[in-house]
Amino acid sequence: MLADASVRNAATIAAAAVAAARSQTVRLPGEDVAADLVAALAKEVMDLDIRIKQADKAIEDRFRRHRMADVIVSMPGFGYRLGAELLAAIGELDLITSADHLAAYAGLAPVANDSGKRTGRLHTPSRYNRRLRRVTYLSALTSMRCHPESRAYYERKRAEGKRPIQAIVCVARRRTNVLWALMRDNRPWQPEPPMD
């Protein structure tokens, strides 16, 4: 279990823990009951870990069979989990007619809050798919760690005075445009070739 959790020197730690337990000389009332309870709980945790891995495998297998799977995972920031969540949140892909439609559905396109003489005020819409917004937000966060262009765009938005969350939403909105274009054309994402 320690080795599965990527603990360094797992065998040494486990051996030291077992040796320490065997060297105990003091016995407490109820120690046997507690030991049985701990063993049962540990077995349940290990069984749950196996079931989670099986569920992950089933989700990945089902996602990989979707016609857009290769397109979605080709984009930095998307793996099979976020890709499956994206497809589940969107539902029927053919109902999304444009990048703006996808962004509005995800709550990434601000709407006007004008009234009387007040104009030009924008705010987050109150009706949008929160699961889709979560997926786009998480993929934007992930892409900023592994994709330099996303990180540079985020830094540019921060330099313009946007707060961190606003800047991440800007990255998510921009990535939504790219994602929709890739899905529309049914082609995988490709990094831009370097300019000579």
N, C-alpha and C. Protein backbone atom coordinates (compact mmCIF):
# COMPACT_ATOMS: atom_id res chain seq x y z
N MET A 1 0.83 -1.19 0.00
CA MET A 1 0.00 0.00 0.00
C MET A 1 0.88 1.25 0.00
N LEU A 2 1.96 1.23 0.78
CA LEU A 2 2.86 2.37 0.80
C LEU A 2 3.53 2.55 -0.56
N ALA A 3 3.89 1.44 -1.19
CA ALA A 3 4.55 1.51 -2.50
C ALA A 3 3.58 2.06 -3.54
N ASP A 4 2.29 1.70 -3.46
CA ASP A 4 1.28 2.22 -4.39
C ASP A 4 1.12 3.72 -4.24
N ALA A 5 1.36 4.23 -3.03
CA ALA A 5 1.24 5.66 -2.77
C ALA A 5 2.53 6.40 -3.07
N SER A 6 3.48 5.73 -3.70
CA SER A 6 4.77 6.31 -4.10
C SER A 6 5.58 6.81 -2.90
N VAL A 7 5.50 6.08 -1.78
CA VAL A 7 6.29 6.43 -0.60
C VAL A 7 7.69 5.87 -0.81
N ARG A 8 8.70 6.73 -0.62
CA ARG A 8 10.07 6.28 -0.76
C ARG A 8 10.43 5.35 0.40
N ASN A 9 11.20 4.34 0.12
CA ASN A 9 11.64 3.36 1.12
C ASN A 9 10.45 2.69 1.81
N ALA A 10 9.44 2.33 1.03
CA ALA A 10 8.22 1.75 1.58
C ALA A 10 8.51 0.47 2.35
N ALA A 11 9.35 -0.39 1.81
CA ALA A 11 9.65 -1.66 2.48
C ALA A 11 10.34 -1.43 3.82
N THR A 12 11.26 -0.48 3.88
CA THR A 12 11.97 -0.18 5.13
C THR A 12 11.02 0.37 6.18
N ILE A 13 10.14 1.26 5.76
CA ILE A 13 9.16 1.86 6.69
C ILE A 13 8.22 0.79 7.22
N ALA A 14 7.72 -0.06 6.31
CA ALA A 14 6.80 -1.13 6.74
C ALA A 14 7.49 -2.08 7.70
N ALA A 15 8.74 -2.45 7.41
CA ALA A 15 9.48 -3.36 8.30
C ALA A 15 9.70 -2.72 9.67
N ALA A 16 10.01 -1.44 9.70
CA ALA A 16 10.22 -0.74 10.98
C ALA A 16 8.91 -0.68 11.77
N ALA A 17 7.79 -0.44 11.10
CA ALA A 17 6.50 -0.38 11.79
C ALA A 17 6.13 -1.74 12.38
N VAL A 18 6.36 -2.82 11.63
CA VAL A 18 6.06 -4.17 12.12
C VAL A 18 6.97 -4.51 13.29
N ALA A 19 8.24 -4.17 13.20
CA ALA A 19 9.19 -4.44 14.29
C ALA A 19 8.80 -3.68 15.55
N ALA A 20 8.39 -2.44 15.40
CA ALA A 20 7.97 -1.64 16.55
C ALA A 20 6.72 -2.23 17.19
N ALA A 21 5.79 -2.69 16.38
CA ALA A 21 4.57 -3.29 16.92
C ALA A 21 4.87 -4.58 17.67
N ARG A 22 5.79 -5.36 17.17
CA ARG A 22 6.13 -6.64 17.83
C ARG A 22 6.92 -6.43 19.12
N SER A 23 7.60 -5.32 19.24
CA SER A 23 8.40 -5.07 20.44
C SER A 23 7.56 -4.49 21.58
N GLN A 24 6.31 -4.22 21.37
CA GLN A 24 5.43 -3.68 22.42
C GLN A 24 5.28 -4.72 23.54
N THR A 25 5.45 -4.28 24.76
CA THR A 25 5.30 -5.18 25.90
C THR A 25 4.04 -4.89 26.69
N VAL A 26 3.49 -3.71 26.55
CA VAL A 26 2.31 -3.31 27.30
C VAL A 26 1.07 -3.74 26.52
N ARG A 27 0.14 -4.40 27.19
CA ARG A 27 -1.12 -4.82 26.57
C ARG A 27 -2.23 -3.99 27.18
N LEU A 28 -3.10 -3.49 26.34
CA LEU A 28 -4.22 -2.68 26.79
C LEU A 28 -5.52 -3.46 26.63
N PRO A 29 -6.51 -3.17 27.50
CA PRO A 29 -7.80 -3.83 27.33
C PRO A 29 -8.42 -3.39 26.00
N GLY A 30 -8.98 -4.31 25.29
CA GLY A 30 -9.63 -3.99 24.02
C GLY A 30 -8.68 -3.90 22.85
N GLU A 31 -7.41 -4.22 23.08
CA GLU A 31 -6.41 -4.13 22.03
C GLU A 31 -6.73 -5.08 20.87
N ASP A 32 -7.20 -6.28 21.20
CA ASP A 32 -7.54 -7.25 20.16
C ASP A 32 -8.72 -6.77 19.31
N VAL A 33 -9.71 -6.18 19.98
CA VAL A 33 -10.88 -5.66 19.26
C VAL A 33 -10.46 -4.53 18.34
N ALA A 34 -9.63 -3.63 18.85
CA ALA A 34 -9.15 -2.51 18.04
C ALA A 34 -8.33 -3.00 16.85
N ALA A 35 -7.50 -4.02 17.08
CA ALA A 35 -6.67 -4.57 16.00
C ALA A 35 -7.55 -5.18 14.91
N ASP A 36 -8.61 -5.91 15.33
CA ASP A 36 -9.53 -6.49 14.35
C ASP A 36 -10.24 -5.40 13.57
N LEU A 37 -10.64 -4.33 14.27
CA LEU A 37 -11.33 -3.23 13.61
C LEU A 37 -10.42 -2.53 12.60
N VAL A 38 -9.17 -2.30 13.00
CA VAL A 38 -8.21 -1.66 12.08
C VAL A 38 -7.96 -2.54 10.87
N ALA A 39 -7.84 -3.84 11.09
CA ALA A 39 -7.61 -4.76 9.97
C ALA A 39 -8.80 -4.76 9.02
N ALA A 40 -10.01 -4.75 9.57
CA ALA A 40 -11.21 -4.74 8.73
C ALA A 40 -11.30 -3.44 7.93
N LEU A 41 -11.01 -2.31 8.59
CA LEU A 41 -11.04 -1.02 7.89
C LEU A 41 -9.97 -0.96 6.80
N ALA A 42 -8.80 -1.49 7.08
CA ALA A 42 -7.73 -1.49 6.07
C ALA A 42 -8.13 -2.33 4.86
N LYS A 43 -8.79 -3.47 5.12
CA LYS A 43 -9.25 -4.31 4.01
C LYS A 43 -10.31 -3.57 3.19
N GLU A 44 -11.22 -2.85 3.86
CA GLU A 44 -12.24 -2.09 3.14
C GLU A 44 -11.60 -1.00 2.28
N VAL A 45 -10.58 -0.33 2.80
CA VAL A 45 -9.89 0.71 2.04
C VAL A 45 -9.21 0.11 0.82
N MET A 46 -8.57 -1.04 0.99
CA MET A 46 -7.90 -1.68 -0.15
C MET A 46 -8.92 -2.14 -1.19
N ASP A 47 -10.07 -2.69 -0.72
CA ASP A 47 -11.12 -3.09 -1.65
C ASP A 47 -11.68 -1.88 -2.40
N LEU A 48 -11.87 -0.78 -1.67
CA LEU A 48 -12.37 0.44 -2.30
C LEU A 48 -11.38 0.97 -3.34
N ASP A 49 -10.10 0.88 -3.02
CA ASP A 49 -9.07 1.31 -3.97
C ASP A 49 -9.14 0.48 -5.25
N ILE A 50 -9.34 -0.81 -5.12
CA ILE A 50 -9.48 -1.68 -6.30
C ILE A 50 -10.71 -1.30 -7.11
N ARG A 51 -11.84 -1.04 -6.42
CA ARG A 51 -13.07 -0.66 -7.13
C ARG A 51 -12.92 0.68 -7.84
N ILE A 52 -12.20 1.61 -7.22
CA ILE A 52 -11.97 2.92 -7.86
C ILE A 52 -11.13 2.73 -9.12
N LYS A 53 -10.10 1.89 -9.05
CA LYS A 53 -9.27 1.64 -10.23
C LYS A 53 -10.08 0.98 -11.34
N GLN A 54 -10.98 0.07 -10.96
CA GLN A 54 -11.84 -0.58 -11.97
C GLN A 54 -12.79 0.43 -12.60
N ALA A 55 -13.35 1.32 -11.79
CA ALA A 55 -14.26 2.34 -12.32
C ALA A 55 -13.50 3.30 -13.24
N ASP A 56 -12.29 3.70 -12.84
CA ASP A 56 -11.46 4.56 -13.70
C ASP A 56 -11.18 3.90 -15.04
N LYS A 57 -10.87 2.61 -14.99
CA LYS A 57 -10.58 1.87 -16.23
C LYS A 57 -11.82 1.81 -17.12
N ALA A 58 -12.98 1.58 -16.51
CA ALA A 58 -14.23 1.53 -17.29
C ALA A 58 -14.55 2.88 -17.91
N ILE A 59 -14.32 3.96 -17.15
CA ILE A 59 -14.56 5.32 -17.68
C ILE A 59 -13.61 5.60 -18.83
N GLU A 60 -12.33 5.25 -18.65
CA GLU A 60 -11.36 5.49 -19.71
C GLU A 60 -11.69 4.69 -20.97
N ASP A 61 -12.07 3.42 -20.79
CA ASP A 61 -12.42 2.58 -21.94
C ASP A 61 -13.61 3.16 -22.69
N ARG A 62 -14.62 3.58 -21.95
CA ARG A 62 -15.82 4.14 -22.59
C ARG A 62 -15.50 5.47 -23.27
N PHE A 63 -14.70 6.29 -22.63
CA PHE A 63 -14.33 7.58 -23.22
C PHE A 63 -13.53 7.38 -24.51
N ARG A 64 -12.58 6.44 -24.50
CA ARG A 64 -11.74 6.21 -25.68
C ARG A 64 -12.55 5.75 -26.89
N ARG A 65 -13.74 5.19 -26.67
CA ARG A 65 -14.58 4.76 -27.79
C ARG A 65 -15.36 5.91 -28.43
N HIS A 66 -15.40 7.08 -27.78
CA HIS A 66 -16.14 8.23 -28.33
C HIS A 66 -15.38 8.79 -29.53
N ARG A 67 -16.10 9.27 -30.51
CA ARG A 67 -15.47 9.76 -31.75
C ARG A 67 -14.60 10.99 -31.52
N MET A 68 -14.83 11.75 -30.46
CA MET A 68 -14.06 12.97 -30.19
C MET A 68 -12.96 12.77 -29.14
N ALA A 69 -12.77 11.55 -28.67
CA ALA A 69 -11.81 11.31 -27.59
C ALA A 69 -10.40 11.75 -27.95
N ASP A 70 -9.94 11.37 -29.13
CA ASP A 70 -8.57 11.73 -29.52
C ASP A 70 -8.41 13.24 -29.70
N VAL A 71 -9.45 13.89 -30.17
CA VAL A 71 -9.41 15.35 -30.35
C VAL A 71 -9.30 16.03 -29.00
N ILE A 72 -10.11 15.59 -28.04
CA ILE A 72 -10.15 16.25 -26.73
C ILE A 72 -8.85 16.05 -25.96
N VAL A 73 -8.36 14.81 -25.89
CA VAL A 73 -7.14 14.57 -25.10
C VAL A 73 -5.88 15.11 -25.78
N SER A 74 -5.97 15.46 -27.05
CA SER A 74 -4.80 16.03 -27.71
C SER A 74 -4.52 17.45 -27.22
N MET A 75 -5.54 18.11 -26.69
CA MET A 75 -5.39 19.49 -26.22
C MET A 75 -4.74 19.49 -24.83
N PRO A 76 -3.71 20.32 -24.62
CA PRO A 76 -3.06 20.38 -23.30
C PRO A 76 -4.08 20.70 -22.21
N GLY A 77 -3.99 19.98 -21.10
CA GLY A 77 -4.89 20.22 -19.98
C GLY A 77 -6.04 19.24 -19.90
N PHE A 78 -6.21 18.40 -20.91
CA PHE A 78 -7.29 17.41 -20.90
C PHE A 78 -6.69 16.01 -20.87
N GLY A 79 -7.20 15.21 -19.95
CA GLY A 79 -6.92 13.79 -19.91
C GLY A 79 -8.25 13.07 -20.10
N TYR A 80 -8.23 11.77 -19.88
CA TYR A 80 -9.48 11.04 -20.12
C TYR A 80 -10.55 11.39 -19.09
N ARG A 81 -10.16 11.71 -17.84
CA ARG A 81 -11.17 12.05 -16.83
C ARG A 81 -11.88 13.36 -17.17
N LEU A 82 -11.11 14.41 -17.40
CA LEU A 82 -11.73 15.69 -17.75
C LEU A 82 -12.43 15.60 -19.10
N GLY A 83 -11.88 14.81 -20.02
CA GLY A 83 -12.52 14.63 -21.31
C GLY A 83 -13.88 13.96 -21.17
N ALA A 84 -13.95 12.93 -20.32
CA ALA A 84 -15.23 12.26 -20.08
C ALA A 84 -16.22 13.20 -19.41
N GLU A 85 -15.73 13.99 -18.46
CA GLU A 85 -16.61 14.98 -17.81
C GLU A 85 -17.10 16.02 -18.80
N LEU A 86 -16.22 16.44 -19.71
CA LEU A 86 -16.60 17.40 -20.73
C LEU A 86 -17.74 16.86 -21.59
N LEU A 87 -17.57 15.64 -22.08
CA LEU A 87 -18.60 15.05 -22.93
C LEU A 87 -19.91 14.85 -22.17
N ALA A 88 -19.82 14.47 -20.90
CA ALA A 88 -21.03 14.28 -20.10
C ALA A 88 -21.72 15.62 -19.85
N ALA A 89 -20.95 16.68 -19.63
CA ALA A 89 -21.53 17.99 -19.36
C ALA A 89 -22.15 18.61 -20.61
N ILE A 90 -21.50 18.42 -21.76
CA ILE A 90 -22.04 19.00 -23.00
C ILE A 90 -23.28 18.23 -23.46
N GLY A 91 -23.22 16.92 -23.33
CA GLY A 91 -24.34 16.12 -23.82
C GLY A 91 -24.20 15.89 -25.31
N GLU A 92 -25.16 16.32 -26.08
CA GLU A 92 -25.16 16.13 -27.53
C GLU A 92 -24.30 17.21 -28.18
N LEU A 93 -23.16 16.81 -28.75
CA LEU A 93 -22.23 17.78 -29.34
C LEU A 93 -22.83 18.54 -30.51
N ASP A 94 -23.73 17.90 -31.25
CA ASP A 94 -24.29 18.54 -32.43
C ASP A 94 -25.19 19.73 -32.09
N LEU A 95 -25.60 19.86 -30.83
CA LEU A 95 -26.45 20.98 -30.43
C LEU A 95 -25.64 22.26 -30.19
N ILE A 96 -24.33 22.12 -30.05
CA ILE A 96 -23.45 23.29 -29.86
C ILE A 96 -23.13 23.82 -31.25
N THR A 97 -23.56 25.06 -31.53
CA THR A 97 -23.44 25.60 -32.88
C THR A 97 -22.23 26.50 -33.10
N SER A 98 -21.61 26.98 -32.03
CA SER A 98 -20.45 27.86 -32.21
C SER A 98 -19.63 27.88 -30.93
N ALA A 99 -18.45 28.47 -31.02
CA ALA A 99 -17.59 28.61 -29.85
C ALA A 99 -18.26 29.52 -28.82
N ASP A 100 -18.94 30.56 -29.30
CA ASP A 100 -19.65 31.46 -28.38
C ASP A 100 -20.77 30.72 -27.65
N HIS A 101 -21.44 29.83 -28.35
CA HIS A 101 -22.51 29.04 -27.74
C HIS A 101 -21.93 28.14 -26.65
N LEU A 102 -20.81 27.49 -26.93
CA LEU A 102 -20.16 26.63 -25.94
C LEU A 102 -19.70 27.46 -24.73
N ALA A 103 -19.12 28.63 -24.98
CA ALA A 103 -18.65 29.48 -23.89
C ALA A 103 -19.82 29.98 -23.04
N ALA A 104 -20.93 30.34 -23.69
CA ALA A 104 -22.11 30.79 -22.95
C ALA A 104 -22.68 29.66 -22.11
N TYR A 105 -22.70 28.45 -22.66
CA TYR A 105 -23.21 27.28 -21.95
C TYR A 105 -22.35 26.97 -20.73
N ALA A 106 -21.05 27.26 -20.84
CA ALA A 106 -20.12 27.04 -19.72
C ALA A 106 -20.08 28.22 -18.76
N GLY A 107 -20.77 29.31 -19.08
CA GLY A 107 -20.76 30.48 -18.21
C GLY A 107 -19.49 31.28 -18.31
N LEU A 108 -18.79 31.16 -19.43
CA LEU A 108 -17.53 31.87 -19.63
C LEU A 108 -17.70 33.16 -20.43
N ALA A 109 -18.88 33.35 -21.01
CA ALA A 109 -19.16 34.56 -21.79
C ALA A 109 -19.96 35.53 -20.92
N PRO A 110 -19.39 36.68 -20.57
CA PRO A 110 -20.12 37.62 -19.71
C PRO A 110 -21.34 38.18 -20.43
N VAL A 111 -22.36 38.49 -19.63
CA VAL A 111 -23.59 39.08 -20.18
C VAL A 111 -23.73 40.51 -19.68
N ALA A 112 -24.45 41.30 -20.45
CA ALA A 112 -24.62 42.72 -20.11
C ALA A 112 -25.50 42.87 -18.87
N ASN A 113 -25.18 43.88 -18.08
CA ASN A 113 -25.96 44.23 -16.89
C ASN A 113 -26.32 45.71 -17.00
N ASP A 114 -26.85 46.09 -18.16
CA ASP A 114 -27.17 47.49 -18.42
C ASP A 114 -28.56 47.83 -17.89
N SER A 115 -28.70 49.07 -17.46
CA SER A 115 -30.00 49.55 -16.99
C SER A 115 -29.99 51.06 -17.03
N GLY A 116 -30.93 51.62 -17.76
CA GLY A 116 -31.01 53.08 -17.83
C GLY A 116 -29.76 53.69 -18.42
N LYS A 117 -29.10 54.55 -17.66
CA LYS A 117 -27.90 55.22 -18.14
C LYS A 117 -26.64 54.38 -17.92
N ARG A 118 -26.77 53.28 -17.19
CA ARG A 118 -25.63 52.40 -16.96
C ARG A 118 -25.44 51.48 -18.16
N THR A 119 -24.29 51.57 -18.80
CA THR A 119 -24.01 50.68 -19.94
C THR A 119 -22.60 50.14 -19.84
N GLY A 120 -22.37 49.01 -20.49
CA GLY A 120 -21.03 48.45 -20.55
C GLY A 120 -20.63 47.63 -19.35
N ARG A 121 -21.58 47.37 -18.46
CA ARG A 121 -21.25 46.55 -17.28
C ARG A 121 -21.57 45.10 -17.59
N LEU A 122 -20.60 44.26 -17.39
CA LEU A 122 -20.77 42.83 -17.68
C LEU A 122 -20.65 42.02 -16.39
N HIS A 123 -21.33 40.90 -16.35
CA HIS A 123 -21.22 40.01 -15.20
C HIS A 123 -21.38 38.57 -15.65
N THR A 124 -21.04 37.66 -14.76
CA THR A 124 -21.19 36.23 -15.05
C THR A 124 -22.67 35.90 -15.11
N PRO A 125 -23.08 35.14 -16.11
CA PRO A 125 -24.49 34.78 -16.19
C PRO A 125 -24.92 33.94 -14.99
N SER A 126 -26.20 34.01 -14.66
CA SER A 126 -26.68 33.23 -13.52
C SER A 126 -27.09 31.83 -13.93
N ARG A 127 -27.35 31.63 -15.22
CA ARG A 127 -27.76 30.30 -15.70
C ARG A 127 -26.70 29.77 -16.66
N TYR A 128 -26.03 28.73 -16.22
CA TYR A 128 -25.02 28.07 -17.06
C TYR A 128 -24.79 26.68 -16.49
N ASN A 129 -24.10 25.86 -17.23
CA ASN A 129 -23.81 24.50 -16.80
C ASN A 129 -22.57 24.52 -15.91
N ARG A 130 -22.79 24.33 -14.63
CA ARG A 130 -21.69 24.42 -13.67
C ARG A 130 -20.67 23.29 -13.84
N ARG A 131 -21.10 22.13 -14.24
CA ARG A 131 -20.16 21.03 -14.49
C ARG A 131 -19.24 21.36 -15.65
N LEU A 132 -19.81 21.96 -16.71
CA LEU A 132 -18.99 22.33 -17.86
C LEU A 132 -18.01 23.44 -17.49
N ARG A 133 -18.47 24.39 -16.69
CA ARG A 133 -17.57 25.46 -16.25
C ARG A 133 -16.42 24.88 -15.42
N ARG A 134 -16.72 23.93 -14.55
CA ARG A 134 -15.69 23.29 -13.73
C ARG A 134 -14.66 22.61 -14.61
N VAL A 135 -15.11 21.89 -15.62
CA VAL A 135 -14.20 21.18 -16.53
C VAL A 135 -13.30 22.17 -17.26
N THR A 136 -13.87 23.23 -17.80
CA THR A 136 -13.06 24.20 -18.55
C THR A 136 -12.08 24.92 -17.62
N TYR A 137 -12.52 25.21 -16.40
CA TYR A 137 -11.66 25.87 -15.43
C TYR A 137 -10.49 24.96 -15.05
N LEU A 138 -10.78 23.70 -14.73
CA LEU A 138 -9.71 22.77 -14.34
C LEU A 138 -8.74 22.50 -15.48
N SER A 139 -9.26 22.41 -16.70
CA SER A 139 -8.35 22.19 -17.83
C SER A 139 -7.47 23.41 -18.07
N ALA A 140 -8.03 24.61 -17.83
CA ALA A 140 -7.22 25.83 -17.96
C ALA A 140 -6.11 25.84 -16.90
N LEU A 141 -6.45 25.48 -15.66
CA LEU A 141 -5.43 25.43 -14.60
C LEU A 141 -4.33 24.43 -14.96
N THR A 142 -4.73 23.27 -15.44
CA THR A 142 -3.75 22.24 -15.80
C THR A 142 -2.88 22.70 -16.96
N SER A 143 -3.50 23.34 -17.95
CA SER A 143 -2.74 23.76 -19.12
C SER A 143 -1.71 24.82 -18.78
N MET A 144 -1.98 25.63 -17.75
CA MET A 144 -1.01 26.66 -17.38
C MET A 144 0.26 26.05 -16.80
N ARG A 145 0.17 24.82 -16.30
CA ARG A 145 1.37 24.15 -15.79
C ARG A 145 2.16 23.47 -16.90
N CYS A 146 1.47 23.01 -17.96
CA CYS A 146 2.17 22.20 -18.97
C CYS A 146 2.23 22.85 -20.35
N HIS A 147 1.61 24.01 -20.52
CA HIS A 147 1.57 24.64 -21.84
C HIS A 147 2.02 26.10 -21.70
N PRO A 148 3.21 26.44 -22.18
CA PRO A 148 3.76 27.79 -21.98
C PRO A 148 2.89 28.91 -22.55
N GLU A 149 2.19 28.64 -23.67
CA GLU A 149 1.36 29.69 -24.27
C GLU A 149 0.18 30.05 -23.36
N SER A 150 -0.41 29.04 -22.72
CA SER A 150 -1.50 29.31 -21.78
C SER A 150 -0.99 30.11 -20.59
N ARG A 151 0.20 29.75 -20.11
CA ARG A 151 0.79 30.48 -18.98
C ARG A 151 1.08 31.93 -19.38
N ALA A 152 1.59 32.13 -20.58
CA ALA A 152 1.90 33.49 -21.04
C ALA A 152 0.62 34.31 -21.17
N TYR A 153 -0.45 33.70 -21.67
CA TYR A 153 -1.73 34.40 -21.80
C TYR A 153 -2.27 34.78 -20.42
N TYR A 154 -2.16 33.87 -19.46
CA TYR A 154 -2.57 34.14 -18.09
C TYR A 154 -1.78 35.33 -17.52
N GLU A 155 -0.47 35.30 -17.70
CA GLU A 155 0.38 36.39 -17.18
C GLU A 155 0.03 37.72 -17.84
N ARG A 156 -0.29 37.69 -19.13
CA ARG A 156 -0.70 38.91 -19.83
C ARG A 156 -1.98 39.48 -19.24
N LYS A 157 -2.94 38.61 -18.94
CA LYS A 157 -4.21 39.06 -18.35
C LYS A 157 -3.98 39.60 -16.94
N ARG A 158 -3.07 38.99 -16.20
CA ARG A 158 -2.75 39.51 -14.86
C ARG A 158 -2.11 40.89 -14.97
N ALA A 159 -1.24 41.07 -15.97
CA ALA A 159 -0.60 42.38 -16.17
C ALA A 159 -1.62 43.44 -16.56
N GLU A 160 -2.72 43.02 -17.19
CA GLU A 160 -3.78 43.96 -17.55
C GLU A 160 -4.64 44.36 -16.35
N GLY A 161 -4.39 43.74 -15.20
CA GLY A 161 -5.12 44.11 -13.99
C GLY A 161 -6.20 43.13 -13.56
N LYS A 162 -6.30 42.00 -14.21
CA LYS A 162 -7.30 41.00 -13.83
C LYS A 162 -6.84 40.27 -12.58
N ARG A 163 -7.80 39.93 -11.74
CA ARG A 163 -7.50 39.11 -10.57
C ARG A 163 -7.20 37.69 -11.04
N PRO A 164 -6.56 36.86 -10.20
CA PRO A 164 -6.17 35.51 -10.64
C PRO A 164 -7.33 34.68 -11.20
N ILE A 165 -8.45 34.65 -10.52
CA ILE A 165 -9.57 33.83 -11.00
C ILE A 165 -10.09 34.38 -12.32
N GLN A 166 -10.17 35.70 -12.45
CA GLN A 166 -10.62 36.29 -13.71
C GLN A 166 -9.67 35.93 -14.85
N ALA A 167 -8.37 35.95 -14.56
CA ALA A 167 -7.39 35.62 -15.60
C ALA A 167 -7.51 34.14 -16.01
N ILE A 168 -7.78 33.26 -15.05
CA ILE A 168 -7.96 31.84 -15.39
C ILE A 168 -9.22 31.65 -16.23
N VAL A 169 -10.28 32.40 -15.91
CA VAL A 169 -11.51 32.33 -16.71
C VAL A 169 -11.23 32.82 -18.13
N CYS A 170 -10.38 33.83 -18.28
CA CYS A 170 -10.00 34.29 -19.62
C CYS A 170 -9.28 33.19 -20.40
N VAL A 171 -8.38 32.47 -19.70
CA VAL A 171 -7.68 31.36 -20.34
C VAL A 171 -8.69 30.28 -20.74
N ALA A 172 -9.62 29.97 -19.84
CA ALA A 172 -10.63 28.96 -20.13
C ALA A 172 -11.49 29.37 -21.33
N ARG A 173 -11.83 30.65 -21.41
CA ARG A 173 -12.65 31.14 -22.54
C ARG A 173 -11.90 31.00 -23.86
N ARG A 174 -10.63 31.35 -23.84
CA ARG A 174 -9.82 31.25 -25.06
C ARG A 174 -9.67 29.79 -25.48
N ARG A 175 -9.46 28.91 -24.51
CA ARG A 175 -9.32 27.49 -24.81
C ARG A 175 -10.62 26.90 -25.32
N THR A 176 -11.75 27.46 -24.88
CA THR A 176 -13.05 26.99 -25.37
C THR A 176 -13.17 27.24 -26.87
N ASN A 177 -12.69 28.40 -27.32
CA ASN A 177 -12.70 28.68 -28.76
C ASN A 177 -11.90 27.64 -29.53
N VAL A 178 -10.72 27.32 -29.02
CA VAL A 178 -9.85 26.35 -29.69
C VAL A 178 -10.50 24.97 -29.65
N LEU A 179 -11.02 24.58 -28.50
CA LEU A 179 -11.63 23.26 -28.37
C LEU A 179 -12.80 23.09 -29.32
N TRP A 180 -13.64 24.11 -29.42
CA TRP A 180 -14.79 24.00 -30.32
C TRP A 180 -14.33 23.87 -31.77
N ALA A 181 -13.32 24.64 -32.16
CA ALA A 181 -12.81 24.56 -33.54
C ALA A 181 -12.24 23.17 -33.82
N LEU A 182 -11.54 22.60 -32.85
CA LEU A 182 -10.99 21.25 -33.04
C LEU A 182 -12.11 20.22 -33.18
N MET A 183 -13.14 20.34 -32.34
CA MET A 183 -14.25 19.39 -32.42
C MET A 183 -15.04 19.58 -33.71
N ARG A 184 -15.20 20.82 -34.14
CA ARG A 184 -15.92 21.10 -35.39
C ARG A 184 -15.21 20.48 -36.58
N ASP A 185 -13.88 20.62 -36.60
CA ASP A 185 -13.09 20.11 -37.72
C ASP A 185 -12.66 18.65 -37.53
N ASN A 186 -12.93 18.09 -36.35
CA ASN A 186 -12.56 16.72 -36.02
C ASN A 186 -11.07 16.47 -36.27
N ARG A 187 -10.25 17.35 -35.71
CA ARG A 187 -8.81 17.21 -35.86
C ARG A 187 -8.13 17.42 -34.51
N PRO A 188 -7.03 16.73 -34.26
CA PRO A 188 -6.34 16.90 -32.98
C PRO A 188 -5.60 18.22 -32.90
N TRP A 189 -5.37 18.65 -31.67
CA TRP A 189 -4.63 19.89 -31.43
C TRP A 189 -3.18 19.68 -31.81
N GLN A 190 -2.61 20.69 -32.43
CA GLN A 190 -1.19 20.66 -32.80
C GLN A 190 -0.57 21.97 -32.34
N PRO A 191 0.59 21.90 -31.70
CA PRO A 191 1.25 23.17 -31.34
C PRO A 191 1.65 23.92 -32.59
N GLU A 192 1.63 25.22 -32.47
CA GLU A 192 2.03 26.02 -33.62
C GLU A 192 3.51 25.82 -33.89
N PRO A 193 3.87 25.70 -35.18
CA PRO A 193 5.30 25.53 -35.48
C PRO A 193 6.08 26.79 -35.12
N PRO A 194 7.31 26.65 -34.67
CA PRO A 194 8.09 27.84 -34.32
C PRO A 194 8.36 28.70 -35.54
N MET A 195 8.32 30.02 -35.32
CA MET A 195 8.60 30.96 -36.39
C MET A 195 10.10 31.12 -36.54
N ASP A 196 10.60 31.01 -37.76
CA ASP A 196 12.04 31.17 -37.99
C ASP A 196 12.39 32.59 -38.32
